[in-house]
Amino acid sequence: MTKYFEKLDDEKKKRILQAALQEFAENGYEKASTNRIVKNAGIGKGMLFYYFKNKNVLYHYLIDYSLKIAINNYIQHVDETNTDFIERMRQATYIKMKAFAENPWVFNFLGSFLLLDEKDMPEKILPEFKRLQKLGYSKVYGNIDYSLFREGIDVTKAFNLIRWSIEGYQEEIKAKLKGRNFAKEDIEPLWEEFFEYLEILKKCYYKDEEGKG
């Protein structure tokens, strides 16, 4: 159904995808306007419906496209062989921020889509979403060395606190860089600061170097 869109040159495809992802991310499915999409993409409305039969087909295409980007550019690259949870989160965050910088509207769109209840998700997309969830969970939480944590600590709650701290810092980085050209920014100081926070988290939740609680 989208074969004509797939035949477009990469630059035009990127322009249409970005305009559509932005519109759905900012306004949701019901309020998303195809008029704004074609205006921002610089194409005629007839051409949009030539590539995608209707708004619903376009939305489903964006979901499938975005899930594949998330899996191939982010989740697949997380190294689950690293058994240190905080170090794994360090690596995952770096990969995620790089993927976000390369595809900001994909991840903004996914953020709005993932807020939906499963019952409201398109049926044909649900298996891919389930795969994303399962793969993401195994990549982040599988094969963890629990012996690194302090004795008597609730590891599940520690995981949540570490994750919330890291996700909060990610949002702070995004806010600082909003509207700027990520590729031209010197983000090394931000990473250095982030790694300092990770060391604090280790001191809070991990055993000391001698292995004492």
N, C-alpha and C. Protein backbone atom coordinates (compact mmCIF):
# COMPACT_ATOMS: atom_id res chain seq x y z
N MET A 1 0.82 -1.21 0.00
CA MET A 1 0.00 0.00 0.00
C MET A 1 0.85 1.26 0.00
N THR A 2 2.06 1.18 0.55
CA THR A 2 2.94 2.36 0.62
C THR A 2 4.12 2.23 -0.35
N LYS A 3 3.96 1.42 -1.37
CA LYS A 3 5.07 1.14 -2.27
C LYS A 3 5.55 2.40 -3.00
N TYR A 4 4.63 3.33 -3.29
CA TYR A 4 5.03 4.54 -4.00
C TYR A 4 5.85 5.46 -3.09
N PHE A 5 5.52 5.44 -1.81
CA PHE A 5 6.30 6.23 -0.86
C PHE A 5 7.72 5.67 -0.74
N GLU A 6 7.84 4.37 -0.71
CA GLU A 6 9.15 3.73 -0.56
C GLU A 6 10.07 4.02 -1.75
N LYS A 7 9.49 4.36 -2.89
CA LYS A 7 10.29 4.64 -4.08
C LYS A 7 10.84 6.06 -4.13
N LEU A 8 10.40 6.92 -3.19
CA LEU A 8 10.86 8.31 -3.17
C LEU A 8 12.33 8.38 -2.80
N ASP A 9 12.99 9.48 -3.17
CA ASP A 9 14.38 9.66 -2.73
C ASP A 9 14.41 9.90 -1.23
N ASP A 10 15.54 9.61 -0.61
CA ASP A 10 15.66 9.62 0.84
C ASP A 10 15.33 10.99 1.45
N GLU A 11 15.74 12.06 0.79
CA GLU A 11 15.52 13.39 1.34
C GLU A 11 14.03 13.72 1.42
N LYS A 12 13.28 13.38 0.38
CA LYS A 12 11.85 13.66 0.38
C LYS A 12 11.13 12.78 1.40
N LYS A 13 11.52 11.52 1.48
CA LYS A 13 10.92 10.63 2.48
C LYS A 13 11.16 11.15 3.88
N LYS A 14 12.38 11.59 4.13
CA LYS A 14 12.72 12.11 5.45
C LYS A 14 11.88 13.33 5.79
N ARG A 15 11.67 14.20 4.83
CA ARG A 15 10.90 15.43 5.05
C ARG A 15 9.43 15.11 5.39
N ILE A 16 8.86 14.15 4.68
CA ILE A 16 7.47 13.77 4.93
C ILE A 16 7.35 13.06 6.28
N LEU A 17 8.27 12.16 6.55
CA LEU A 17 8.23 11.43 7.82
C LEU A 17 8.38 12.37 9.01
N GLN A 18 9.31 13.30 8.92
CA GLN A 18 9.53 14.23 10.03
C GLN A 18 8.29 15.09 10.27
N ALA A 19 7.69 15.58 9.19
CA ALA A 19 6.49 16.41 9.34
C ALA A 19 5.35 15.62 9.97
N ALA A 20 5.19 14.37 9.55
CA ALA A 20 4.11 13.53 10.08
C ALA A 20 4.37 13.13 11.53
N LEU A 21 5.60 12.73 11.82
CA LEU A 21 5.95 12.35 13.19
C LEU A 21 5.75 13.52 14.15
N GLN A 22 6.17 14.70 13.73
CA GLN A 22 6.03 15.90 14.55
C GLN A 22 4.55 16.20 14.82
N GLU A 23 3.74 16.12 13.79
CA GLU A 23 2.31 16.44 13.93
C GLU A 23 1.61 15.47 14.89
N PHE A 24 1.85 14.18 14.73
CA PHE A 24 1.21 13.19 15.60
C PHE A 24 1.77 13.26 17.02
N ALA A 25 3.06 13.54 17.15
CA ALA A 25 3.67 13.63 18.48
C ALA A 25 3.10 14.80 19.27
N GLU A 26 2.90 15.93 18.60
CA GLU A 26 2.44 17.14 19.28
C GLU A 26 0.94 17.18 19.50
N ASN A 27 0.17 16.51 18.64
CA ASN A 27 -1.28 16.68 18.69
C ASN A 27 -2.07 15.39 18.89
N GLY A 28 -1.40 14.23 18.85
CA GLY A 28 -2.12 12.98 18.99
C GLY A 28 -2.86 12.63 17.71
N TYR A 29 -3.40 11.42 17.65
CA TYR A 29 -4.02 10.95 16.42
C TYR A 29 -5.26 11.75 16.05
N GLU A 30 -6.15 11.95 17.00
CA GLU A 30 -7.43 12.59 16.70
C GLU A 30 -7.27 14.02 16.21
N LYS A 31 -6.36 14.78 16.83
CA LYS A 31 -6.21 16.20 16.49
C LYS A 31 -5.15 16.45 15.43
N ALA A 32 -4.44 15.43 15.05
CA ALA A 32 -3.39 15.60 14.02
C ALA A 32 -4.02 16.05 12.71
N SER A 33 -3.39 17.02 12.06
CA SER A 33 -3.92 17.60 10.83
C SER A 33 -3.05 17.22 9.63
N THR A 34 -3.67 16.59 8.64
CA THR A 34 -2.92 16.27 7.42
C THR A 34 -2.59 17.56 6.65
N ASN A 35 -3.38 18.61 6.87
CA ASN A 35 -3.10 19.90 6.22
C ASN A 35 -1.76 20.45 6.72
N ARG A 36 -1.55 20.35 8.03
CA ARG A 36 -0.27 20.83 8.58
C ARG A 36 0.88 19.94 8.13
N ILE A 37 0.61 18.65 8.02
CA ILE A 37 1.66 17.72 7.59
C ILE A 37 2.15 18.07 6.19
N VAL A 38 1.22 18.25 5.26
CA VAL A 38 1.63 18.53 3.88
C VAL A 38 2.29 19.91 3.76
N LYS A 39 1.82 20.85 4.58
CA LYS A 39 2.42 22.19 4.56
C LYS A 39 3.87 22.13 5.03
N ASN A 40 4.10 21.43 6.14
CA ASN A 40 5.46 21.33 6.69
C ASN A 40 6.36 20.44 5.83
N ALA A 41 5.75 19.49 5.13
CA ALA A 41 6.54 18.59 4.27
C ALA A 41 6.79 19.19 2.90
N GLY A 42 6.01 20.24 2.56
CA GLY A 42 6.18 20.88 1.26
C GLY A 42 5.66 20.05 0.10
N ILE A 43 4.56 19.32 0.33
CA ILE A 43 3.96 18.53 -0.74
C ILE A 43 2.46 18.83 -0.80
N GLY A 44 1.82 18.40 -1.87
CA GLY A 44 0.38 18.56 -2.00
C GLY A 44 -0.36 17.49 -1.22
N LYS A 45 -1.58 17.83 -0.79
CA LYS A 45 -2.35 16.86 0.00
C LYS A 45 -2.68 15.62 -0.80
N GLY A 46 -2.92 15.80 -2.11
CA GLY A 46 -3.21 14.66 -2.96
C GLY A 46 -2.06 13.67 -3.00
N MET A 47 -0.83 14.20 -2.95
CA MET A 47 0.34 13.33 -2.98
C MET A 47 0.46 12.53 -1.68
N LEU A 48 0.12 13.17 -0.55
CA LEU A 48 0.19 12.44 0.73
C LEU A 48 -0.72 11.23 0.68
N PHE A 49 -1.94 11.42 0.14
CA PHE A 49 -2.90 10.32 0.09
C PHE A 49 -2.62 9.38 -1.08
N TYR A 50 -1.73 9.78 -1.96
CA TYR A 50 -1.24 8.88 -2.99
C TYR A 50 -0.24 7.90 -2.37
N TYR A 51 0.59 8.42 -1.46
CA TYR A 51 1.57 7.58 -0.77
C TYR A 51 0.93 6.74 0.33
N PHE A 52 -0.02 7.35 1.04
CA PHE A 52 -0.71 6.69 2.15
C PHE A 52 -2.21 6.87 1.92
N LYS A 53 -2.93 5.79 1.87
CA LYS A 53 -4.35 5.84 1.50
C LYS A 53 -5.15 6.82 2.35
N ASN A 54 -4.85 6.88 3.63
CA ASN A 54 -5.57 7.78 4.53
C ASN A 54 -4.73 8.04 5.77
N LYS A 55 -5.26 8.84 6.65
CA LYS A 55 -4.55 9.22 7.88
C LYS A 55 -4.22 8.00 8.74
N ASN A 56 -5.13 7.04 8.78
CA ASN A 56 -4.92 5.85 9.60
C ASN A 56 -3.75 5.02 9.08
N VAL A 57 -3.67 4.87 7.76
CA VAL A 57 -2.57 4.12 7.16
C VAL A 57 -1.24 4.81 7.45
N LEU A 58 -1.23 6.12 7.36
CA LEU A 58 -0.02 6.89 7.66
C LEU A 58 0.41 6.67 9.11
N TYR A 59 -0.55 6.73 10.02
CA TYR A 59 -0.26 6.56 11.45
C TYR A 59 0.32 5.18 11.73
N HIS A 60 -0.26 4.16 11.15
CA HIS A 60 0.25 2.79 11.34
C HIS A 60 1.66 2.66 10.77
N TYR A 61 1.90 3.29 9.63
CA TYR A 61 3.23 3.25 9.03
C TYR A 61 4.25 3.89 9.97
N LEU A 62 3.90 5.02 10.57
CA LEU A 62 4.80 5.72 11.48
C LEU A 62 5.11 4.89 12.71
N ILE A 63 4.10 4.18 13.22
CA ILE A 63 4.32 3.32 14.39
C ILE A 63 5.32 2.22 14.05
N ASP A 64 5.08 1.53 12.95
CA ASP A 64 5.95 0.44 12.53
C ASP A 64 7.37 0.94 12.28
N TYR A 65 7.47 2.07 11.60
CA TYR A 65 8.77 2.69 11.29
C TYR A 65 9.51 3.05 12.58
N SER A 66 8.81 3.65 13.52
CA SER A 66 9.44 4.12 14.76
C SER A 66 9.87 2.97 15.65
N LEU A 67 9.05 1.93 15.74
CA LEU A 67 9.43 0.77 16.55
C LEU A 67 10.68 0.11 16.00
N LYS A 68 10.81 0.04 14.69
CA LYS A 68 12.00 -0.55 14.08
C LYS A 68 13.24 0.29 14.36
N ILE A 69 13.08 1.62 14.31
CA ILE A 69 14.20 2.52 14.64
C ILE A 69 14.64 2.31 16.08
N ALA A 70 13.67 2.23 16.99
CA ALA A 70 13.98 2.06 18.42
C ALA A 70 14.72 0.75 18.66
N ILE A 71 14.29 -0.30 17.99
CA ILE A 71 14.93 -1.61 18.18
C ILE A 71 16.32 -1.64 17.54
N ASN A 72 16.40 -1.21 16.29
CA ASN A 72 17.66 -1.34 15.53
C ASN A 72 18.72 -0.31 15.93
N ASN A 73 18.29 0.90 16.30
CA ASN A 73 19.26 1.97 16.60
C ASN A 73 19.53 2.14 18.08
N TYR A 74 18.72 1.50 18.92
CA TYR A 74 18.90 1.68 20.37
C TYR A 74 18.97 0.33 21.09
N ILE A 75 17.87 -0.35 21.19
CA ILE A 75 17.79 -1.52 22.07
C ILE A 75 18.77 -2.62 21.68
N GLN A 76 18.90 -2.89 20.38
CA GLN A 76 19.80 -3.96 19.93
C GLN A 76 21.26 -3.70 20.30
N HIS A 77 21.60 -2.43 20.55
CA HIS A 77 23.00 -2.08 20.83
C HIS A 77 23.35 -2.11 22.31
N VAL A 78 22.36 -2.30 23.17
CA VAL A 78 22.64 -2.37 24.61
C VAL A 78 23.33 -3.69 24.92
N ASP A 79 24.43 -3.63 25.63
CA ASP A 79 25.25 -4.81 25.90
C ASP A 79 24.79 -5.50 27.18
N GLU A 80 23.97 -6.55 27.04
CA GLU A 80 23.47 -7.26 28.22
C GLU A 80 24.50 -8.18 28.85
N THR A 81 25.69 -8.29 28.23
CA THR A 81 26.73 -9.11 28.85
C THR A 81 27.43 -8.36 29.98
N ASN A 82 27.24 -7.04 30.04
CA ASN A 82 27.78 -6.26 31.15
C ASN A 82 26.86 -6.45 32.35
N THR A 83 27.31 -7.14 33.37
CA THR A 83 26.44 -7.52 34.49
C THR A 83 26.30 -6.42 35.55
N ASP A 84 27.05 -5.34 35.41
CA ASP A 84 26.95 -4.20 36.33
C ASP A 84 25.78 -3.33 35.86
N PHE A 85 24.71 -3.27 36.65
CA PHE A 85 23.49 -2.59 36.23
C PHE A 85 23.72 -1.11 35.92
N ILE A 86 24.46 -0.42 36.78
CA ILE A 86 24.69 1.00 36.57
C ILE A 86 25.55 1.23 35.34
N GLU A 87 26.57 0.40 35.13
CA GLU A 87 27.40 0.54 33.94
C GLU A 87 26.59 0.25 32.67
N ARG A 88 25.69 -0.72 32.78
CA ARG A 88 24.85 -1.02 31.62
C ARG A 88 23.93 0.17 31.31
N MET A 89 23.40 0.79 32.36
CA MET A 89 22.54 1.96 32.17
C MET A 89 23.34 3.13 31.61
N ARG A 90 24.61 3.23 32.00
CA ARG A 90 25.48 4.27 31.44
C ARG A 90 25.57 4.10 29.92
N GLN A 91 25.87 2.87 29.50
CA GLN A 91 26.00 2.59 28.07
C GLN A 91 24.67 2.78 27.34
N ALA A 92 23.59 2.29 27.94
CA ALA A 92 22.27 2.39 27.32
C ALA A 92 21.85 3.84 27.14
N THR A 93 22.15 4.67 28.14
CA THR A 93 21.79 6.09 28.05
C THR A 93 22.56 6.78 26.93
N TYR A 94 23.83 6.47 26.82
CA TYR A 94 24.65 7.06 25.76
C TYR A 94 24.09 6.68 24.39
N ILE A 95 23.75 5.40 24.22
CA ILE A 95 23.21 4.93 22.94
C ILE A 95 21.86 5.59 22.67
N LYS A 96 21.03 5.67 23.71
CA LYS A 96 19.70 6.26 23.55
C LYS A 96 19.79 7.73 23.16
N MET A 97 20.67 8.48 23.81
CA MET A 97 20.80 9.90 23.50
C MET A 97 21.34 10.11 22.09
N LYS A 98 22.24 9.23 21.67
CA LYS A 98 22.75 9.30 20.29
C LYS A 98 21.63 9.02 19.29
N ALA A 99 20.83 7.99 19.59
CA ALA A 99 19.71 7.65 18.72
C ALA A 99 18.68 8.77 18.70
N PHE A 100 18.45 9.38 19.86
CA PHE A 100 17.50 10.50 19.94
C PHE A 100 17.99 11.68 19.11
N ALA A 101 19.28 11.96 19.20
CA ALA A 101 19.85 13.08 18.44
C ALA A 101 19.70 12.87 16.94
N GLU A 102 19.80 11.62 16.51
CA GLU A 102 19.69 11.30 15.09
C GLU A 102 18.23 11.24 14.62
N ASN A 103 17.32 10.90 15.55
CA ASN A 103 15.91 10.72 15.18
C ASN A 103 15.00 11.33 16.25
N PRO A 104 15.10 12.62 16.52
CA PRO A 104 14.35 13.21 17.64
C PRO A 104 12.84 13.02 17.53
N TRP A 105 12.27 13.21 16.33
CA TRP A 105 10.81 13.11 16.21
C TRP A 105 10.33 11.68 16.29
N VAL A 106 11.18 10.72 15.95
CA VAL A 106 10.81 9.31 16.11
C VAL A 106 10.57 9.02 17.58
N PHE A 107 11.49 9.46 18.43
CA PHE A 107 11.38 9.15 19.85
C PHE A 107 10.31 10.00 20.54
N ASN A 108 10.09 11.21 20.06
CA ASN A 108 8.98 12.01 20.58
C ASN A 108 7.64 11.36 20.22
N PHE A 109 7.54 10.88 19.00
CA PHE A 109 6.33 10.19 18.56
C PHE A 109 6.12 8.91 19.36
N LEU A 110 7.17 8.13 19.54
CA LEU A 110 7.06 6.90 20.30
C LEU A 110 6.62 7.18 21.73
N GLY A 111 7.13 8.27 22.30
CA GLY A 111 6.75 8.64 23.66
C GLY A 111 5.26 8.84 23.79
N SER A 112 4.65 9.49 22.81
CA SER A 112 3.20 9.72 22.84
C SER A 112 2.44 8.43 22.56
N PHE A 113 2.96 7.60 21.68
CA PHE A 113 2.31 6.33 21.34
C PHE A 113 2.33 5.36 22.51
N LEU A 114 3.46 5.32 23.22
CA LEU A 114 3.61 4.35 24.32
C LEU A 114 2.74 4.68 25.51
N LEU A 115 2.13 5.86 25.52
CA LEU A 115 1.20 6.22 26.59
C LEU A 115 -0.16 5.57 26.40
N LEU A 116 -0.41 5.02 25.22
CA LEU A 116 -1.68 4.37 24.94
C LEU A 116 -1.80 3.07 25.73
N ASP A 117 -3.04 2.69 26.10
CA ASP A 117 -3.28 1.37 26.65
C ASP A 117 -3.14 0.36 25.52
N GLU A 118 -2.73 -0.85 25.87
CA GLU A 118 -2.54 -1.87 24.84
C GLU A 118 -3.83 -2.11 24.05
N LYS A 119 -4.98 -2.02 24.72
CA LYS A 119 -6.25 -2.26 24.03
C LYS A 119 -6.53 -1.21 22.96
N ASP A 120 -5.88 -0.05 23.05
CA ASP A 120 -6.09 1.02 22.08
C ASP A 120 -5.06 0.99 20.95
N MET A 121 -4.12 0.06 21.03
CA MET A 121 -3.08 -0.02 20.00
C MET A 121 -3.59 -0.78 18.78
N PRO A 122 -3.12 -0.41 17.59
CA PRO A 122 -3.50 -1.15 16.38
C PRO A 122 -3.12 -2.63 16.52
N GLU A 123 -4.04 -3.51 16.17
CA GLU A 123 -3.84 -4.95 16.38
C GLU A 123 -2.60 -5.48 15.68
N LYS A 124 -2.36 -5.02 14.46
CA LYS A 124 -1.23 -5.56 13.71
C LYS A 124 0.11 -5.04 14.23
N ILE A 125 0.08 -3.96 15.02
CA ILE A 125 1.30 -3.40 15.58
C ILE A 125 1.64 -4.02 16.92
N LEU A 126 0.64 -4.59 17.60
CA LEU A 126 0.82 -5.09 18.96
C LEU A 126 1.94 -6.12 19.09
N PRO A 127 2.09 -7.09 18.18
CA PRO A 127 3.20 -8.04 18.31
C PRO A 127 4.57 -7.37 18.31
N GLU A 128 4.75 -6.36 17.45
CA GLU A 128 6.03 -5.65 17.40
C GLU A 128 6.26 -4.86 18.69
N PHE A 129 5.19 -4.28 19.21
CA PHE A 129 5.28 -3.55 20.48
C PHE A 129 5.67 -4.50 21.62
N LYS A 130 5.05 -5.68 21.63
CA LYS A 130 5.37 -6.69 22.65
C LYS A 130 6.83 -7.11 22.54
N ARG A 131 7.30 -7.25 21.31
CA ARG A 131 8.71 -7.63 21.09
C ARG A 131 9.64 -6.54 21.62
N LEU A 132 9.26 -5.28 21.38
CA LEU A 132 10.05 -4.15 21.89
C LEU A 132 10.12 -4.19 23.40
N GLN A 133 8.96 -4.41 24.04
CA GLN A 133 8.91 -4.48 25.50
C GLN A 133 9.79 -5.61 26.04
N LYS A 134 9.63 -6.79 25.48
CA LYS A 134 10.36 -7.97 25.95
C LYS A 134 11.85 -7.82 25.74
N LEU A 135 12.24 -7.35 24.56
CA LEU A 135 13.65 -7.17 24.25
C LEU A 135 14.26 -6.09 25.13
N GLY A 136 13.53 -4.98 25.29
CA GLY A 136 14.02 -3.89 26.12
C GLY A 136 14.23 -4.32 27.56
N TYR A 137 13.27 -5.08 28.11
CA TYR A 137 13.38 -5.52 29.50
C TYR A 137 14.57 -6.45 29.69
N SER A 138 14.74 -7.39 28.75
CA SER A 138 15.85 -8.34 28.88
C SER A 138 17.19 -7.64 28.73
N LYS A 139 17.25 -6.64 27.85
CA LYS A 139 18.50 -5.92 27.63
C LYS A 139 18.89 -5.10 28.86
N VAL A 140 17.90 -4.55 29.55
CA VAL A 140 18.19 -3.67 30.69
C VAL A 140 18.31 -4.44 32.00
N TYR A 141 17.42 -5.42 32.21
CA TYR A 141 17.35 -6.07 33.51
C TYR A 141 17.84 -7.51 33.54
N GLY A 142 18.15 -8.09 32.40
CA GLY A 142 18.61 -9.47 32.39
C GLY A 142 20.09 -9.60 32.73
N ASN A 143 20.46 -10.73 33.33
CA ASN A 143 21.87 -11.04 33.59
C ASN A 143 22.58 -9.96 34.42
N ILE A 144 21.94 -9.56 35.54
CA ILE A 144 22.51 -8.56 36.44
C ILE A 144 23.23 -9.24 37.60
N ASP A 145 24.37 -8.72 37.99
CA ASP A 145 25.12 -9.23 39.14
C ASP A 145 24.59 -8.57 40.41
N TYR A 146 23.67 -9.26 41.08
CA TYR A 146 23.05 -8.69 42.28
C TYR A 146 24.02 -8.60 43.45
N SER A 147 25.13 -9.31 43.39
CA SER A 147 26.08 -9.29 44.50
C SER A 147 26.78 -7.94 44.64
N LEU A 148 26.66 -7.09 43.61
CA LEU A 148 27.27 -5.76 43.68
C LEU A 148 26.53 -4.83 44.63
N PHE A 149 25.25 -5.12 44.86
CA PHE A 149 24.43 -4.24 45.70
C PHE A 149 24.72 -4.48 47.18
N ARG A 150 24.48 -3.46 47.96
CA ARG A 150 24.65 -3.56 49.40
C ARG A 150 23.73 -4.64 49.97
N GLU A 151 24.18 -5.29 51.01
CA GLU A 151 23.36 -6.33 51.64
C GLU A 151 22.14 -5.69 52.30
N GLY A 152 21.01 -6.40 52.21
CA GLY A 152 19.79 -5.94 52.84
C GLY A 152 19.00 -4.92 52.05
N ILE A 153 19.52 -4.52 50.89
CA ILE A 153 18.83 -3.52 50.07
C ILE A 153 17.76 -4.20 49.21
N ASP A 154 16.65 -3.52 49.02
CA ASP A 154 15.59 -4.00 48.12
C ASP A 154 16.04 -3.68 46.69
N VAL A 155 16.50 -4.70 45.98
CA VAL A 155 17.09 -4.48 44.66
C VAL A 155 16.08 -3.91 43.66
N THR A 156 14.84 -4.37 43.74
CA THR A 156 13.82 -3.88 42.82
C THR A 156 13.62 -2.37 42.99
N LYS A 157 13.53 -1.94 44.25
CA LYS A 157 13.37 -0.51 44.52
C LYS A 157 14.63 0.26 44.14
N ALA A 158 15.79 -0.35 44.35
CA ALA A 158 17.05 0.29 43.96
C ALA A 158 17.10 0.47 42.45
N PHE A 159 16.68 -0.57 41.70
CA PHE A 159 16.61 -0.47 40.25
C PHE A 159 15.76 0.73 39.83
N ASN A 160 14.58 0.84 40.46
CA ASN A 160 13.67 1.94 40.11
C ASN A 160 14.28 3.30 40.41
N LEU A 161 14.90 3.43 41.57
CA LEU A 161 15.50 4.71 41.94
C LEU A 161 16.64 5.09 40.99
N ILE A 162 17.46 4.10 40.63
CA ILE A 162 18.55 4.34 39.68
C ILE A 162 17.98 4.73 38.31
N ARG A 163 16.98 3.98 37.88
CA ARG A 163 16.38 4.25 36.57
C ARG A 163 15.73 5.63 36.54
N TRP A 164 14.99 5.99 37.60
CA TRP A 164 14.34 7.30 37.65
C TRP A 164 15.37 8.42 37.63
N SER A 165 16.47 8.21 38.34
CA SER A 165 17.52 9.23 38.37
C SER A 165 18.11 9.45 36.98
N ILE A 166 18.39 8.34 36.30
CA ILE A 166 19.00 8.42 34.97
C ILE A 166 18.02 9.02 33.96
N GLU A 167 16.76 8.58 34.01
CA GLU A 167 15.76 9.12 33.08
C GLU A 167 15.53 10.60 33.32
N GLY A 168 15.57 11.01 34.59
CA GLY A 168 15.42 12.43 34.90
C GLY A 168 16.56 13.25 34.34
N TYR A 169 17.77 12.71 34.41
CA TYR A 169 18.92 13.43 33.85
C TYR A 169 18.83 13.50 32.32
N GLN A 170 18.34 12.42 31.71
CA GLN A 170 18.15 12.43 30.25
C GLN A 170 17.22 13.58 29.85
N GLU A 171 16.12 13.73 30.59
CA GLU A 171 15.16 14.80 30.27
C GLU A 171 15.80 16.17 30.47
N GLU A 172 16.66 16.28 31.46
CA GLU A 172 17.34 17.56 31.70
C GLU A 172 18.27 17.89 30.53
N ILE A 173 18.99 16.90 30.03
CA ILE A 173 19.87 17.11 28.88
C ILE A 173 19.04 17.55 27.66
N LYS A 174 17.93 16.86 27.44
CA LYS A 174 17.06 17.21 26.31
C LYS A 174 16.57 18.65 26.43
N ALA A 175 16.19 19.05 27.65
CA ALA A 175 15.69 20.41 27.87
C ALA A 175 16.78 21.44 27.59
N LYS A 176 18.00 21.14 28.01
CA LYS A 176 19.11 22.06 27.79
C LYS A 176 19.44 22.21 26.29
N LEU A 177 19.24 21.13 25.55
CA LEU A 177 19.61 21.14 24.14
C LEU A 177 18.44 21.43 23.21
N LYS A 178 17.27 21.66 23.78
CA LYS A 178 16.08 21.90 22.96
C LYS A 178 16.28 23.11 22.06
N GLY A 179 16.00 22.90 20.77
CA GLY A 179 16.11 24.00 19.81
C GLY A 179 17.51 24.24 19.30
N ARG A 180 18.49 23.48 19.79
CA ARG A 180 19.86 23.65 19.33
C ARG A 180 20.23 22.54 18.35
N ASN A 181 21.32 22.75 17.64
CA ASN A 181 21.83 21.73 16.73
C ASN A 181 22.71 20.78 17.55
N PHE A 182 22.15 19.59 17.84
CA PHE A 182 22.84 18.63 18.71
C PHE A 182 24.23 18.30 18.19
N ALA A 183 24.33 18.17 16.86
CA ALA A 183 25.60 17.77 16.26
C ALA A 183 26.71 18.79 16.49
N LYS A 184 26.33 20.06 16.69
CA LYS A 184 27.32 21.13 16.85
C LYS A 184 27.57 21.48 18.32
N GLU A 185 26.84 20.84 19.21
CA GLU A 185 27.00 21.14 20.63
C GLU A 185 28.16 20.36 21.24
N ASP A 186 28.86 20.99 22.17
CA ASP A 186 29.89 20.29 22.94
C ASP A 186 29.19 19.66 24.15
N ILE A 187 28.84 18.39 24.02
CA ILE A 187 28.10 17.74 25.10
C ILE A 187 29.00 16.95 26.04
N GLU A 188 30.32 17.01 25.80
CA GLU A 188 31.24 16.28 26.67
C GLU A 188 31.10 16.67 28.14
N PRO A 189 30.95 17.98 28.45
CA PRO A 189 30.75 18.35 29.87
C PRO A 189 29.50 17.73 30.48
N LEU A 190 28.45 17.58 29.67
CA LEU A 190 27.21 16.97 30.16
C LEU A 190 27.43 15.49 30.49
N TRP A 191 28.19 14.79 29.62
CA TRP A 191 28.47 13.39 29.89
C TRP A 191 29.35 13.23 31.12
N GLU A 192 30.33 14.12 31.28
CA GLU A 192 31.19 14.06 32.46
C GLU A 192 30.37 14.24 33.73
N GLU A 193 29.43 15.20 33.68
CA GLU A 193 28.56 15.42 34.84
C GLU A 193 27.68 14.20 35.09
N PHE A 194 27.16 13.62 34.02
CA PHE A 194 26.31 12.43 34.14
C PHE A 194 27.08 11.28 34.78
N PHE A 195 28.32 11.06 34.35
CA PHE A 195 29.12 9.98 34.91
C PHE A 195 29.44 10.22 36.38
N GLU A 196 29.57 11.49 36.78
CA GLU A 196 29.77 11.81 38.19
C GLU A 196 28.55 11.41 39.01
N TYR A 197 27.36 11.64 38.44
CA TYR A 197 26.13 11.23 39.13
C TYR A 197 26.06 9.71 39.26
N LEU A 198 26.50 9.00 38.23
CA LEU A 198 26.50 7.54 38.29
C LEU A 198 27.41 7.03 39.39
N GLU A 199 28.54 7.69 39.58
CA GLU A 199 29.45 7.29 40.66
C GLU A 199 28.79 7.48 42.03
N ILE A 200 28.00 8.55 42.16
CA ILE A 200 27.27 8.78 43.40
C ILE A 200 26.24 7.67 43.62
N LEU A 201 25.55 7.28 42.55
CA LEU A 201 24.58 6.19 42.66
C LEU A 201 25.26 4.89 43.09
N LYS A 202 26.46 4.65 42.56
CA LYS A 202 27.19 3.45 42.97
C LYS A 202 27.51 3.47 44.46
N LYS A 203 27.93 4.63 44.94
CA LYS A 203 28.27 4.74 46.36
C LYS A 203 27.04 4.54 47.24
N CYS A 204 25.87 4.95 46.71
CA CYS A 204 24.63 4.82 47.47
C CYS A 204 24.14 3.38 47.53
N TYR A 205 24.24 2.64 46.43
CA TYR A 205 23.58 1.35 46.32
C TYR A 205 24.51 0.15 46.25
N TYR A 206 25.79 0.36 45.91
CA TYR A 206 26.72 -0.75 45.79
C TYR A 206 27.56 -0.91 47.05
N LYS A 207 28.09 -2.13 47.21
CA LYS A 207 29.06 -2.37 48.27
C LYS A 207 30.31 -1.53 48.01
N ASP A 208 31.06 -1.24 49.08
CA ASP A 208 32.30 -0.53 48.85
C ASP A 208 33.32 -1.48 48.23
N GLU A 209 34.49 -0.96 47.89
CA GLU A 209 35.48 -1.77 47.17
C GLU A 209 35.96 -2.97 47.96
N GLU A 210 35.86 -2.90 49.27
CA GLU A 210 36.30 -4.03 50.09
C GLU A 210 35.19 -5.08 50.23
N GLY A 211 33.98 -4.73 49.62
CA GLY A 211 32.90 -5.69 49.68
C GLY A 211 32.07 -5.62 50.93
N LYS A 212 32.29 -4.57 51.75
CA LYS A 212 31.50 -4.41 52.96
C LYS A 212 30.18 -3.74 52.62
N GLY A 213 29.16 -3.95 53.48
CA GLY A 213 27.83 -3.41 53.21
C GLY A 213 27.75 -1.92 53.25
